[in-house]
Amino acid sequence: MTSLAMIEAAAVRLSGHARVTPLLNAPLLDRLAGRRVFVKAECLQWTGSFKFRGGWSALTALSPELRAKGVLAYSSGNHAQGVALAASRLGAPCVIVMPADAPGVKIANTRAYGAEVVLYDRVKDDRDAIGAALAAERGLTLVKPYDDAQVIAGQGTAGLEIARQAAEAGIGGADVLTCCGGGGLTAGIALALETRAQGLRVRPAEPAGFDDTARSLASGRRERNAATTGSICDAIVTPSPGEITFPILQRLCGPGLVVSDEEALRAMVLAFQHLRIVVEPGGAVALAAALFRQDLPGTVICTASGGNVDVAVFRDCLERFGGNPWP
């Protein structure tokens, strides 16, 4: 089970290797939202997402002997890149199992970081089975995208930073909205804030139709999504909350928030216009909730969890909503 001590230990191992990402604010964005909106810009992290934190944490927790044999991960792109870069810097062989319909920029970047990429059909194939078979065949250590205690610990280091940055900004109470897929980032931040910033409550944000975490928190059991594709927010589309992460979310998080794909795209435009950051659709759902949902306090903090968007998607988004991003 991930603990605050594990998160603090991961922070020590990440020191000097991960970026301390800024907590951004724009007065005009506050005016539009009708509340103070602070954005934890993890899109500026190495590999363009928070996933480098978990990848480095997990790999540096391995023994040198296991790390030398190599690691394997499965991911639609952000976890893939985080693990690939961590493995490259640590000199470890790396195999990544990725859906064939993942954004081209994510596949290309994962290969550029030195990983071997194995593509699969997201609808027909079982990525867990593919990953397990490859790990057994080659003696690789599987680094799961969220159901891994050391990965959660690494993601939790973003929560330590939020606690410190919120205190420096004079924020004593706020909802912290997280872009949520399997729940690794959400669980890690919630564990960090539980002790370090008790006035900050975590709430997961998800795309409509793939709100398994929101439904699970409401029902008290792990719910599954009916489909595995169909949202532009591909980075956070998962079958269900993780076995390890869900009990943490159930204990520490407030109700889930759900946004439409269009709201995520509008949030991308507003982030670019007012904060000058590039955010991918899945990385913009927390900001979309902060901007477009009414049942929130006067101050919110949200994660911009990733910025790995294809150029064509970003261009189309700007052309479609750039003239009028506010609905």
C-alpha atoms as a PDB file:
ATOM      1  CA  MET A   1       0.000   0.000   0.000  1.00  0.00           C
ATOM      2  CA  THR A   2       1.341   3.405  -0.934  1.00  0.00           C
ATOM      3  CA  SER A   3       2.027   5.679   2.038  1.00  0.00           C
ATOM      4  CA  LEU A   4       3.154   9.237   2.602  1.00  0.00           C
ATOM      5  CA  ALA A   5       6.584   7.866   3.500  1.00  0.00           C
ATOM      6  CA  MET A   6       6.788   6.169   0.090  1.00  0.00           C
ATOM      7  CA  ILE A   7       5.773   9.415  -1.636  1.00  0.00           C
ATOM      8  CA  GLU A   8       8.420  11.336   0.293  1.00  0.00           C
ATOM      9  CA  ALA A   9      11.034   8.698  -0.613  1.00  0.00           C
ATOM     10  CA  ALA A  10      10.000   8.929  -4.276  1.00  0.00           C
ATOM     11  CA  ALA A  11      10.404  12.707  -4.068  1.00  0.00           C
ATOM     12  CA  VAL A  12      13.994  12.241  -2.911  1.00  0.00           C
ATOM     13  CA  ARG A  13      14.737   9.905  -5.843  1.00  0.00           C
ATOM     14  CA  LEU A  14      13.029  12.305  -8.277  1.00  0.00           C
ATOM     15  CA  SER A  15      14.897  15.361  -6.986  1.00  0.00           C
ATOM     16  CA  GLY A  16      17.081  16.727  -9.755  1.00  0.00           C
ATOM     17  CA  HIS A  17      15.438  14.446 -12.323  1.00  0.00           C
ATOM     18  CA  ALA A  18      11.793  15.582 -12.507  1.00  0.00           C
ATOM     19  CA  ARG A  19      10.733  19.167 -13.046  1.00  0.00           C
ATOM     20  CA  VAL A  20       8.957  21.080 -10.311  1.00  0.00           C
ATOM     21  CA  THR A  21       6.026  22.254 -12.422  1.00  0.00           C
ATOM     22  CA  PRO A  22       4.410  25.651 -11.805  1.00  0.00           C
ATOM     23  CA  LEU A  23       1.015  26.443 -10.326  1.00  0.00           C
ATOM     24  CA  LEU A  24      -0.401  28.925 -12.850  1.00  0.00           C
ATOM     25  CA  ASN A  25      -3.190  31.477 -12.569  1.00  0.00           C
ATOM     26  CA  ALA A  26      -4.659  34.051 -14.951  1.00  0.00           C
ATOM     27  CA  PRO A  27      -7.015  36.841 -13.777  1.00  0.00           C
ATOM     28  CA  LEU A  28      -9.030  36.795 -16.998  1.00  0.00           C
ATOM     29  CA  LEU A  29      -9.563  33.049 -16.661  1.00  0.00           C
ATOM     30  CA  ASP A  30     -10.745  33.600 -13.090  1.00  0.00           C
ATOM     31  CA  ARG A  31     -13.211  36.192 -14.346  1.00  0.00           C
ATOM     32  CA  LEU A  32     -14.649  33.815 -16.940  1.00  0.00           C
ATOM     33  CA  ALA A  33     -14.954  30.948 -14.451  1.00  0.00           C
ATOM     34  CA  GLY A  34     -16.367  33.081 -11.638  1.00  0.00           C
ATOM     35  CA  ARG A  35     -13.819  31.594  -9.230  1.00  0.00           C
ATOM     36  CA  ARG A  36     -10.066  31.479  -8.706  1.00  0.00           C
ATOM     37  CA  VAL A  37      -8.582  28.752 -10.893  1.00  0.00           C
ATOM     38  CA  PHE A  38      -5.035  27.538 -10.334  1.00  0.00           C
ATOM     39  CA  VAL A  39      -3.514  25.094 -12.819  1.00  0.00           C
ATOM     40  CA  LYS A  40      -0.770  22.605 -11.907  1.00  0.00           C
ATOM     41  CA  ALA A  41       0.978  22.479 -15.289  1.00  0.00           C
ATOM     42  CA  GLU A  42       2.154  18.872 -15.499  1.00  0.00           C
ATOM     43  CA  CYS A  43       2.054  19.283 -19.282  1.00  0.00           C
ATOM     44  CA  LEU A  44       5.461  20.929 -18.726  1.00  0.00           C
ATOM     45  CA  GLN A  45       6.890  17.825 -17.047  1.00  0.00           C
ATOM     46  CA  TRP A  46       9.490  15.725 -18.877  1.00  0.00           C
ATOM     47  CA  THR A  47       7.799  13.755 -21.718  1.00  0.00           C
ATOM     48  CA  GLY A  48       4.890  16.206 -21.557  1.00  0.00           C
ATOM     49  CA  SER A  49       2.953  14.615 -18.684  1.00  0.00           C
ATOM     50  CA  PHE A  50       3.018  13.664 -15.007  1.00  0.00           C
ATOM     51  CA  LYS A  51       3.750  10.063 -15.978  1.00  0.00           C
ATOM     52  CA  PHE A  52       7.512  10.582 -15.851  1.00  0.00           C
ATOM     53  CA  ARG A  53       7.194  10.879 -12.077  1.00  0.00           C
ATOM     54  CA  GLY A  54       5.693   7.413 -11.705  1.00  0.00           C
ATOM     55  CA  GLY A  55       8.018   5.855 -14.256  1.00  0.00           C
ATOM     56  CA  TRP A  56      11.160   7.151 -12.550  1.00  0.00           C
ATOM     57  CA  SER A  57       9.826   6.221  -9.112  1.00  0.00           C
ATOM     58  CA  ALA A  58       9.054   2.647 -10.148  1.00  0.00           C
ATOM     59  CA  LEU A  59      12.313   2.042 -12.011  1.00  0.00           C
ATOM     60  CA  THR A  60      14.554   3.522  -9.325  1.00  0.00           C
ATOM     61  CA  ALA A  61      12.789   1.349  -6.729  1.00  0.00           C
ATOM     62  CA  LEU A  62      13.889  -1.805  -8.606  1.00  0.00           C
ATOM     63  CA  SER A  63      17.092  -3.606  -7.732  1.00  0.00           C
ATOM     64  CA  PRO A  64      19.949  -2.985 -10.198  1.00  0.00           C
ATOM     65  CA  GLU A  65      19.706  -6.650 -11.253  1.00  0.00           C
ATOM     66  CA  LEU A  66      16.018  -6.464 -12.166  1.00  0.00           C
ATOM     67  CA  ARG A  67      16.442  -3.089 -13.857  1.00  0.00           C
ATOM     68  CA  ALA A  68      19.264  -4.469 -16.017  1.00  0.00           C
ATOM     69  CA  LYS A  69      16.943  -7.196 -17.337  1.00  0.00           C
ATOM     70  CA  GLY A  70      14.528  -4.559 -18.601  1.00  0.00           C
ATOM     71  CA  VAL A  71      11.025  -3.270 -18.035  1.00  0.00           C
ATOM     72  CA  LEU A  72       7.704  -3.419 -19.828  1.00  0.00           C
ATOM     73  CA  ALA A  73       4.698  -1.115 -19.735  1.00  0.00           C
ATOM     74  CA  TYR A  74       1.368  -0.805 -21.523  1.00  0.00           C
ATOM     75  CA  SER A  75      -0.070   2.590 -22.265  1.00  0.00           C
ATOM     76  CA  SER A  76      -1.868   4.760 -24.805  1.00  0.00           C
ATOM     77  CA  GLY A  77       1.117   7.056 -24.731  1.00  0.00           C
ATOM     78  CA  ASN A  78       1.863   9.133 -21.638  1.00  0.00           C
ATOM     79  CA  HIS A  79       2.862   6.295 -19.308  1.00  0.00           C
ATOM     80  CA  ALA A  80       4.713   4.817 -22.273  1.00  0.00           C
ATOM     81  CA  GLN A  81       6.828   7.922 -22.721  1.00  0.00           C
ATOM     82  CA  GLY A  82       7.437   8.377 -19.002  1.00  0.00           C
ATOM     83  CA  VAL A  83       8.707   4.821 -18.568  1.00  0.00           C
ATOM     84  CA  ALA A  84      10.673   4.938 -21.834  1.00  0.00           C
ATOM     85  CA  LEU A  85      12.585   8.081 -20.853  1.00  0.00           C
ATOM     86  CA  ALA A  86      13.211   6.815 -17.324  1.00  0.00           C
ATOM     87  CA  ALA A  87      14.520   3.519 -18.721  1.00  0.00           C
ATOM     88  CA  SER A  88      16.724   5.327 -21.225  1.00  0.00           C
ATOM     89  CA  ARG A  89      18.289   7.540 -18.566  1.00  0.00           C
ATOM     90  CA  LEU A  90      18.846   4.534 -16.308  1.00  0.00           C
ATOM     91  CA  GLY A  91      20.242   2.320 -19.079  1.00  0.00           C
ATOM     92  CA  ALA A  92      17.459  -0.271 -18.866  1.00  0.00           C
ATOM     93  CA  PRO A  93      15.924  -2.113 -21.845  1.00  0.00           C
ATOM     94  CA  CYS A  94      12.290  -1.112 -22.349  1.00  0.00           C
ATOM     95  CA  VAL A  95       9.309  -2.605 -24.214  1.00  0.00           C
ATOM     96  CA  ILE A  96       6.041  -0.676 -24.487  1.00  0.00           C
ATOM     97  CA  VAL A  97       2.684  -2.192 -25.493  1.00  0.00           C
ATOM     98  CA  MET A  98       0.564   0.538 -27.113  1.00  0.00           C
ATOM     99  CA  PRO A  99      -2.863   0.622 -28.816  1.00  0.00           C
ATOM    100  CA  ALA A 100      -2.536   1.017 -32.566  1.00  0.00           C
ATOM    101  CA  ASP A 101      -4.955   3.962 -32.497  1.00  0.00           C
ATOM    102  CA  ALA A 102      -2.895   5.972 -29.998  1.00  0.00           C
ATOM    103  CA  PRO A 103      -1.956   9.472 -31.204  1.00  0.00           C
ATOM    104  CA  GLY A 104       0.898   9.302 -33.659  1.00  0.00           C
ATOM    105  CA  VAL A 105       2.990  11.798 -31.711  1.00  0.00           C
ATOM    106  CA  LYS A 106       2.896   9.528 -28.657  1.00  0.00           C
ATOM    107  CA  ILE A 107       3.945   6.425 -30.587  1.00  0.00           C
ATOM    108  CA  ALA A 108       6.728   8.338 -32.350  1.00  0.00           C
ATOM    109  CA  ASN A 109       8.026   9.907 -29.145  1.00  0.00           C
ATOM    110  CA  THR A 110       8.013   6.587 -27.284  1.00  0.00           C
ATOM    111  CA  ARG A 111      10.199   5.077 -29.993  1.00  0.00           C
ATOM    112  CA  ALA A 112      12.407   8.183 -29.990  1.00  0.00           C
ATOM    113  CA  TYR A 113      13.057   7.689 -26.273  1.00  0.00           C
ATOM    114  CA  GLY A 114      14.555   4.308 -27.187  1.00  0.00           C
ATOM    115  CA  ALA A 115      11.738   1.892 -26.362  1.00  0.00           C
ATOM    116  CA  GLU A 116      10.601  -1.042 -28.464  1.00  0.00           C
ATOM    117  CA  VAL A 117       6.920  -0.456 -29.271  1.00  0.00           C
ATOM    118  CA  VAL A 118       4.478  -3.366 -29.668  1.00  0.00           C
ATOM    119  CA  LEU A 119       1.113  -2.256 -31.090  1.00  0.00           C
ATOM    120  CA  TYR A 120      -2.234  -3.951 -30.379  1.00  0.00           C
ATOM    121  CA  ASP A 121      -5.931  -3.557 -31.245  1.00  0.00           C
ATOM    122  CA  ARG A 122      -7.644  -1.776 -28.348  1.00  0.00           C
ATOM    123  CA  VAL A 123     -11.030  -3.417 -29.086  1.00  0.00           C
ATOM    124  CA  LYS A 124     -10.013  -6.980 -29.946  1.00  0.00           C
ATOM    125  CA  ASP A 125      -6.879  -7.566 -27.891  1.00  0.00           C
ATOM    126  CA  ASP A 126      -6.191  -7.781 -24.142  1.00  0.00           C
ATOM    127  CA  ARG A 127      -3.266  -5.483 -23.354  1.00  0.00           C
ATOM    128  CA  ASP A 128      -2.775  -6.994 -19.884  1.00  0.00           C
ATOM    129  CA  ALA A 129      -2.416 -10.467 -21.382  1.00  0.00           C
ATOM    130  CA  ILE A 130      -0.014  -9.221 -24.059  1.00  0.00           C
ATOM    131  CA  GLY A 131       2.097  -7.437 -21.469  1.00  0.00           C
ATOM    132  CA  ALA A 132       2.150 -10.395 -19.086  1.00  0.00           C
ATOM    133  CA  ALA A 133       3.213 -12.771 -21.860  1.00  0.00           C
ATOM    134  CA  LEU A 134       6.054 -10.526 -23.005  1.00  0.00           C
ATOM    135  CA  ALA A 135       7.236  -9.983 -19.439  1.00  0.00           C
ATOM    136  CA  ALA A 136       7.331 -13.725 -18.789  1.00  0.00           C
ATOM    137  CA  GLU A 137       9.021 -14.519 -22.105  1.00  0.00           C
ATOM    138  CA  ARG A 138      11.805 -11.942 -21.777  1.00  0.00           C
ATOM    139  CA  GLY A 139      12.196 -11.675 -18.012  1.00  0.00           C
ATOM    140  CA  LEU A 140      10.976  -8.071 -17.984  1.00  0.00           C
ATOM    141  CA  THR A 141       9.505  -6.315 -14.959  1.00  0.00           C
ATOM    142  CA  LEU A 142       6.003  -5.030 -15.661  1.00  0.00           C
ATOM    143  CA  VAL A 143       5.437  -1.413 -14.642  1.00  0.00           C
ATOM    144  CA  LYS A 144       1.682  -0.922 -14.548  1.00  0.00           C
ATOM    145  CA  PRO A 145       0.253   2.494 -15.452  1.00  0.00           C
ATOM    146  CA  TYR A 146      -1.593   3.044 -12.158  1.00  0.00           C
ATOM    147  CA  ASP A 147      -2.029  -0.153 -10.117  1.00  0.00           C
ATOM    148  CA  ASP A 148       1.538  -0.086  -8.808  1.00  0.00           C
ATOM    149  CA  ALA A 149       2.449   1.244  -5.370  1.00  0.00           C
ATOM    150  CA  GLN A 150       5.681   2.882  -6.549  1.00  0.00           C
ATOM    151  CA  VAL A 151       3.985   4.472  -9.563  1.00  0.00           C
ATOM    152  CA  ILE A 152       1.318   5.945  -7.264  1.00  0.00           C
ATOM    153  CA  ALA A 153       4.091   7.193  -4.976  1.00  0.00           C
ATOM    154  CA  GLY A 154       5.784   8.931  -7.877  1.00  0.00           C
ATOM    155  CA  GLN A 155       2.566  10.609  -8.986  1.00  0.00           C
ATOM    156  CA  GLY A 156       2.006  11.658  -5.382  1.00  0.00           C
ATOM    157  CA  THR A 157       5.073  13.896  -5.568  1.00  0.00           C
ATOM    158  CA  ALA A 158       2.913  16.283  -7.606  1.00  0.00           C
ATOM    159  CA  GLY A 159       0.667  16.446  -4.540  1.00  0.00           C
ATOM    160  CA  LEU A 160       3.601  17.406  -2.314  1.00  0.00           C
ATOM    161  CA  GLU A 161       4.343  20.254  -4.717  1.00  0.00           C
ATOM    162  CA  ILE A 162       0.688  21.342  -4.788  1.00  0.00           C
ATOM    163  CA  ALA A 163       0.609  21.461  -0.991  1.00  0.00           C
ATOM    164  CA  ARG A 164       3.703  23.644  -0.852  1.00  0.00           C
ATOM    165  CA  GLN A 165       2.665  25.893  -3.744  1.00  0.00           C
ATOM    166  CA  ALA A 166      -0.867  26.330  -2.392  1.00  0.00           C
ATOM    167  CA  ALA A 167       0.518  27.385   0.987  1.00  0.00           C
ATOM    168  CA  GLU A 168       2.837  29.890  -0.708  1.00  0.00           C
ATOM    169  CA  ALA A 169      -0.162  31.300  -2.626  1.00  0.00           C
ATOM    170  CA  GLY A 170      -2.196  31.605   0.585  1.00  0.00           C
ATOM    171  CA  ILE A 171      -4.697  28.909  -0.415  1.00  0.00           C
ATOM    172  CA  GLY A 172      -5.992  27.278   2.730  1.00  0.00           C
ATOM    173  CA  GLY A 173      -9.034  25.542   1.280  1.00  0.00           C
ATOM    174  CA  ALA A 174      -9.877  24.401  -2.246  1.00  0.00           C
ATOM    175  CA  ASP A 175     -11.056  21.488  -4.340  1.00  0.00           C
ATOM    176  CA  VAL A 176      -8.189  19.866  -6.259  1.00  0.00           C
ATOM    177  CA  LEU A 177      -9.521  18.518  -9.552  1.00  0.00           C
ATOM    178  CA  THR A 178      -7.519  15.755 -11.179  1.00  0.00           C
ATOM    179  CA  CYS A 179      -7.698  14.268 -14.671  1.00  0.00           C
ATOM    180  CA  CYS A 180      -8.541  10.669 -13.821  1.00  0.00           C
ATOM    181  CA  GLY A 181      -8.129   7.436 -15.765  1.00  0.00           C
ATOM    182  CA  GLY A 182      -7.120   4.478 -13.622  1.00  0.00           C
ATOM    183  CA  GLY A 183      -6.566   6.752 -10.656  1.00  0.00           C
ATOM    184  CA  GLY A 184      -2.802   6.750 -10.082  1.00  0.00           C
ATOM    185  CA  LEU A 185      -2.396  10.526 -10.150  1.00  0.00           C
ATOM    186  CA  THR A 186      -5.612  11.088  -8.212  1.00  0.00           C
ATOM    187  CA  ALA A 187      -4.686   8.561  -5.513  1.00  0.00           C
ATOM    188  CA  GLY A 188      -1.129   9.828  -5.189  1.00  0.00           C
ATOM    189  CA  ILE A 189      -2.177  13.465  -4.858  1.00  0.00           C
ATOM    190  CA  ALA A 190      -4.932  12.564  -2.396  1.00  0.00           C
ATOM    191  CA  LEU A 191      -2.490  10.648  -0.188  1.00  0.00           C
ATOM    192  CA  ALA A 192      -0.014  13.524  -0.219  1.00  0.00           C
ATOM    193  CA  LEU A 193      -2.651  16.133   0.613  1.00  0.00           C
ATOM    194  CA  GLU A 194      -4.234  14.036   3.349  1.00  0.00           C
ATOM    195  CA  THR A 195      -1.419  15.019   5.693  1.00  0.00           C
ATOM    196  CA  ARG A 196       0.293  17.957   4.000  1.00  0.00           C
ATOM    197  CA  ALA A 197      -2.764  20.095   3.124  1.00  0.00           C
ATOM    198  CA  GLN A 198      -5.910  18.960   4.896  1.00  0.00           C
ATOM    199  CA  GLY A 199      -7.926  21.894   3.569  1.00  0.00           C
ATOM    200  CA  LEU A 200      -7.546  20.644   0.005  1.00  0.00           C
ATOM    201  CA  ARG A 201     -10.065  18.033  -1.177  1.00  0.00           C
ATOM    202  CA  VAL A 202      -9.395  15.942  -4.281  1.00  0.00           C
ATOM    203  CA  ARG A 203     -12.135  15.348  -6.866  1.00  0.00           C
ATOM    204  CA  PRO A 204     -11.543  13.260 -10.013  1.00  0.00           C
ATOM    205  CA  ALA A 205     -12.637  14.584 -13.417  1.00  0.00           C
ATOM    206  CA  GLU A 206     -13.459  12.350 -16.408  1.00  0.00           C
ATOM    207  CA  PRO A 207     -14.947  12.522 -19.910  1.00  0.00           C
ATOM    208  CA  ALA A 208     -18.649  11.755 -20.379  1.00  0.00           C
ATOM    209  CA  GLY A 209     -19.301   8.107 -21.232  1.00  0.00           C
ATOM    210  CA  PHE A 210     -16.047   7.062 -19.561  1.00  0.00           C
ATOM    211  CA  ASP A 211     -16.812   8.210 -16.028  1.00  0.00           C
ATOM    212  CA  ASP A 212     -16.163   4.882 -14.326  1.00  0.00           C
ATOM    213  CA  THR A 213     -14.520   6.537 -11.320  1.00  0.00           C
ATOM    214  CA  ALA A 214     -17.417   8.939 -10.713  1.00  0.00           C
ATOM    215  CA  ARG A 215     -19.894   6.066 -10.956  1.00  0.00           C
ATOM    216  CA  SER A 216     -17.742   3.866  -8.738  1.00  0.00           C
ATOM    217  CA  LEU A 217     -17.513   6.534  -6.041  1.00  0.00           C
ATOM    218  CA  ALA A 218     -21.296   6.924  -6.177  1.00  0.00           C
ATOM    219  CA  SER A 219     -22.053   3.185  -6.017  1.00  0.00           C
ATOM    220  CA  GLY A 220     -19.290   2.141  -3.626  1.00  0.00           C
ATOM    221  CA  ARG A 221     -17.918  -0.547  -5.951  1.00  0.00           C
ATOM    222  CA  ARG A 222     -15.651  -0.596  -9.008  1.00  0.00           C
ATOM    223  CA  GLU A 223     -17.753   0.080 -12.102  1.00  0.00           C
ATOM    224  CA  ARG A 224     -16.674  -0.593 -15.685  1.00  0.00           C
ATOM    225  CA  ASN A 225     -17.103   1.470 -18.822  1.00  0.00           C
ATOM    226  CA  ALA A 226     -19.298  -0.025 -21.523  1.00  0.00           C
ATOM    227  CA  ALA A 227     -16.748   0.877 -24.229  1.00  0.00           C
ATOM    228  CA  THR A 228     -12.981   1.254 -24.428  1.00  0.00           C
ATOM    229  CA  THR A 229     -12.919   3.836 -27.227  1.00  0.00           C
ATOM    230  CA  GLY A 230     -15.034   6.752 -28.360  1.00  0.00           C
ATOM    231  CA  SER A 231     -13.676   9.794 -26.530  1.00  0.00           C
ATOM    232  CA  ILE A 232     -11.107  12.266 -27.794  1.00  0.00           C
ATOM    233  CA  CYS A 233      -9.721  12.162 -24.245  1.00  0.00           C
ATOM    234  CA  ASP A 234      -7.841   8.949 -25.040  1.00  0.00           C
ATOM    235  CA  ALA A 235      -5.153   9.491 -22.405  1.00  0.00           C
ATOM    236  CA  ILE A 236      -7.573   8.849 -19.538  1.00  0.00           C
ATOM    237  CA  VAL A 237      -9.882   6.218 -21.036  1.00  0.00           C
ATOM    238  CA  THR A 238      -9.521   3.078 -18.901  1.00  0.00           C
ATOM    239  CA  PRO A 239     -11.862   0.122 -18.290  1.00  0.00           C
ATOM    240  CA  SER A 240     -12.378   0.816 -14.577  1.00  0.00           C
ATOM    241  CA  PRO A 241     -10.624   2.282 -11.526  1.00  0.00           C
ATOM    242  CA  GLY A 242      -7.633   0.294 -10.342  1.00  0.00           C
ATOM    243  CA  GLU A 243      -7.806  -2.353  -7.641  1.00  0.00           C
ATOM    244  CA  ILE A 244      -5.153  -0.510  -5.635  1.00  0.00           C
ATOM    245  CA  THR A 245      -6.242   3.020  -6.446  1.00  0.00           C
ATOM    246  CA  PHE A 246      -9.997   2.749  -5.882  1.00  0.00           C
ATOM    247  CA  PRO A 247      -9.913   2.158  -2.095  1.00  0.00           C
ATOM    248  CA  ILE A 248      -7.715   5.249  -1.786  1.00  0.00           C
ATOM    249  CA  LEU A 249     -10.111   7.312  -3.907  1.00  0.00           C
ATOM    250  CA  GLN A 250     -13.093   5.959  -1.974  1.00  0.00           C
ATOM    251  CA  ARG A 251     -11.530   7.002   1.333  1.00  0.00           C
ATOM    252  CA  LEU A 252     -10.122  10.400   0.383  1.00  0.00           C
ATOM    253  CA  CYS A 253     -11.923  11.877  -2.650  1.00  0.00           C
ATOM    254  CA  GLY A 254     -15.089  13.896  -3.076  1.00  0.00           C
ATOM    255  CA  PRO A 255     -17.655  13.137  -5.807  1.00  0.00           C
ATOM    256  CA  GLY A 256     -16.426  12.771  -9.360  1.00  0.00           C
ATOM    257  CA  LEU A 257     -16.945  15.396 -12.055  1.00  0.00           C
ATOM    258  CA  VAL A 258     -17.847  14.687 -15.673  1.00  0.00           C
ATOM    259  CA  VAL A 259     -17.259  16.900 -18.727  1.00  0.00           C
ATOM    260  CA  SER A 260     -18.025  16.552 -22.415  1.00  0.00           C
ATOM    261  CA  ASP A 261     -15.397  16.199 -25.130  1.00  0.00           C
ATOM    262  CA  GLU A 262     -16.393  19.652 -26.377  1.00  0.00           C
ATOM    263  CA  GLU A 263     -15.823  21.169 -22.962  1.00  0.00           C
ATOM    264  CA  ALA A 264     -12.369  19.577 -22.845  1.00  0.00           C
ATOM    265  CA  LEU A 265     -11.550  21.075 -26.248  1.00  0.00           C
ATOM    266  CA  ARG A 266     -12.776  24.497 -25.153  1.00  0.00           C
ATOM    267  CA  ALA A 267     -10.607  24.222 -22.036  1.00  0.00           C
ATOM    268  CA  MET A 268      -7.611  23.483 -24.267  1.00  0.00           C
ATOM    269  CA  VAL A 269      -8.208  26.727 -26.148  1.00  0.00           C
ATOM    270  CA  LEU A 270      -8.660  28.740 -22.957  1.00  0.00           C
ATOM    271  CA  ALA A 271      -5.474  27.263 -21.473  1.00  0.00           C
ATOM    272  CA  PHE A 272      -3.571  28.291 -24.582  1.00  0.00           C
ATOM    273  CA  GLN A 273      -5.081  31.774 -24.718  1.00  0.00           C
ATOM    274  CA  HIS A 274      -4.747  32.680 -21.033  1.00  0.00           C
ATOM    275  CA  LEU A 275      -1.936  30.490 -19.667  1.00  0.00           C
ATOM    276  CA  ARG A 276       0.058  29.934 -22.871  1.00  0.00           C
ATOM    277  CA  ILE A 277       0.305  26.194 -22.308  1.00  0.00           C
ATOM    278  CA  VAL A 278      -0.577  23.347 -24.674  1.00  0.00           C
ATOM    279  CA  VAL A 279      -2.805  20.691 -23.111  1.00  0.00           C
ATOM    280  CA  GLU A 280      -4.117  17.493 -24.702  1.00  0.00           C
ATOM    281  CA  PRO A 281      -7.861  16.656 -24.447  1.00  0.00           C
ATOM    282  CA  GLY A 282      -7.487  14.122 -21.639  1.00  0.00           C
ATOM    283  CA  GLY A 283      -5.191  16.507 -19.808  1.00  0.00           C
ATOM    284  CA  ALA A 284      -7.778  19.297 -19.994  1.00  0.00           C
ATOM    285  CA  VAL A 285     -10.792  17.631 -18.348  1.00  0.00           C
ATOM    286  CA  ALA A 286      -9.939  18.906 -14.853  1.00  0.00           C
ATOM    287  CA  LEU A 287      -9.628  22.457 -16.175  1.00  0.00           C
ATOM    288  CA  ALA A 288     -12.897  22.002 -18.071  1.00  0.00           C
ATOM    289  CA  ALA A 289     -14.608  21.012 -14.826  1.00  0.00           C
ATOM    290  CA  ALA A 290     -13.054  23.998 -13.030  1.00  0.00           C
ATOM    291  CA  LEU A 291     -14.337  26.358 -15.718  1.00  0.00           C
ATOM    292  CA  PHE A 292     -17.747  24.946 -16.579  1.00  0.00           C
ATOM    293  CA  ARG A 293     -19.121  23.277 -13.439  1.00  0.00           C
ATOM    294  CA  GLN A 294     -21.025  25.328 -10.884  1.00  0.00           C
ATOM    295  CA  ASP A 295     -20.941  23.111  -7.765  1.00  0.00           C
ATOM    296  CA  LEU A 296     -17.396  24.093  -6.812  1.00  0.00           C
ATOM    297  CA  PRO A 297     -15.901  26.400  -4.173  1.00  0.00           C
ATOM    298  CA  GLY A 298     -14.522  29.862  -4.825  1.00  0.00           C
ATOM    299  CA  THR A 299     -10.992  28.526  -5.321  1.00  0.00           C
ATOM    300  CA  VAL A 300     -10.014  25.400  -7.231  1.00  0.00           C
ATOM    301  CA  ILE A 301      -6.734  23.819  -8.215  1.00  0.00           C
ATOM    302  CA  CYS A 302      -6.703  21.567 -11.259  1.00  0.00           C
ATOM    303  CA  THR A 303      -4.115  19.418 -12.970  1.00  0.00           C
ATOM    304  CA  ALA A 304      -3.218  19.983 -16.609  1.00  0.00           C
ATOM    305  CA  SER A 305      -1.937  16.437 -16.669  1.00  0.00           C
ATOM    306  CA  GLY A 306      -0.553  16.153 -20.198  1.00  0.00           C
ATOM    307  CA  GLY A 307       0.248  18.125 -23.327  1.00  0.00           C
ATOM    308  CA  ASN A 308       0.951  15.417 -25.896  1.00  0.00           C
ATOM    309  CA  VAL A 309      -1.615  16.400 -28.510  1.00  0.00           C
ATOM    310  CA  ASP A 310      -1.240  15.761 -32.222  1.00  0.00           C
ATOM    311  CA  VAL A 311      -0.633  18.947 -34.203  1.00  0.00           C
ATOM    312  CA  ALA A 312      -3.693  18.319 -36.390  1.00  0.00           C
ATOM    313  CA  VAL A 313      -5.981  17.878 -33.381  1.00  0.00           C
ATOM    314  CA  PHE A 314      -4.683  21.038 -31.727  1.00  0.00           C
ATOM    315  CA  ARG A 315      -4.986  23.044 -34.936  1.00  0.00           C
ATOM    316  CA  ASP A 316      -8.549  21.839 -35.505  1.00  0.00           C
ATOM    317  CA  CYS A 317      -9.408  22.677 -31.901  1.00  0.00           C
ATOM    318  CA  LEU A 318      -8.126  26.240 -32.264  1.00  0.00           C
ATOM    319  CA  GLU A 319      -9.916  26.701 -35.575  1.00  0.00           C
ATOM    320  CA  ARG A 320     -13.204  25.379 -34.174  1.00  0.00           C
ATOM    321  CA  PHE A 321     -13.287  27.197 -30.835  1.00  0.00           C
ATOM    322  CA  GLY A 322     -10.571  29.850 -30.964  1.00  0.00           C
ATOM    323  CA  GLY A 323     -12.978  32.632 -31.867  1.00  0.00           C
ATOM    324  CA  ASN A 324     -15.440  31.808 -29.114  1.00  0.00           C
ATOM    325  CA  PRO A 325     -14.059  29.330 -26.544  1.00  0.00           C
ATOM    326  CA  TRP A 326     -16.621  30.140 -23.866  1.00  0.00           C
ATOM    327  CA  PRO A 327     -19.910  28.203 -24.401  1.00  0.00           C
END
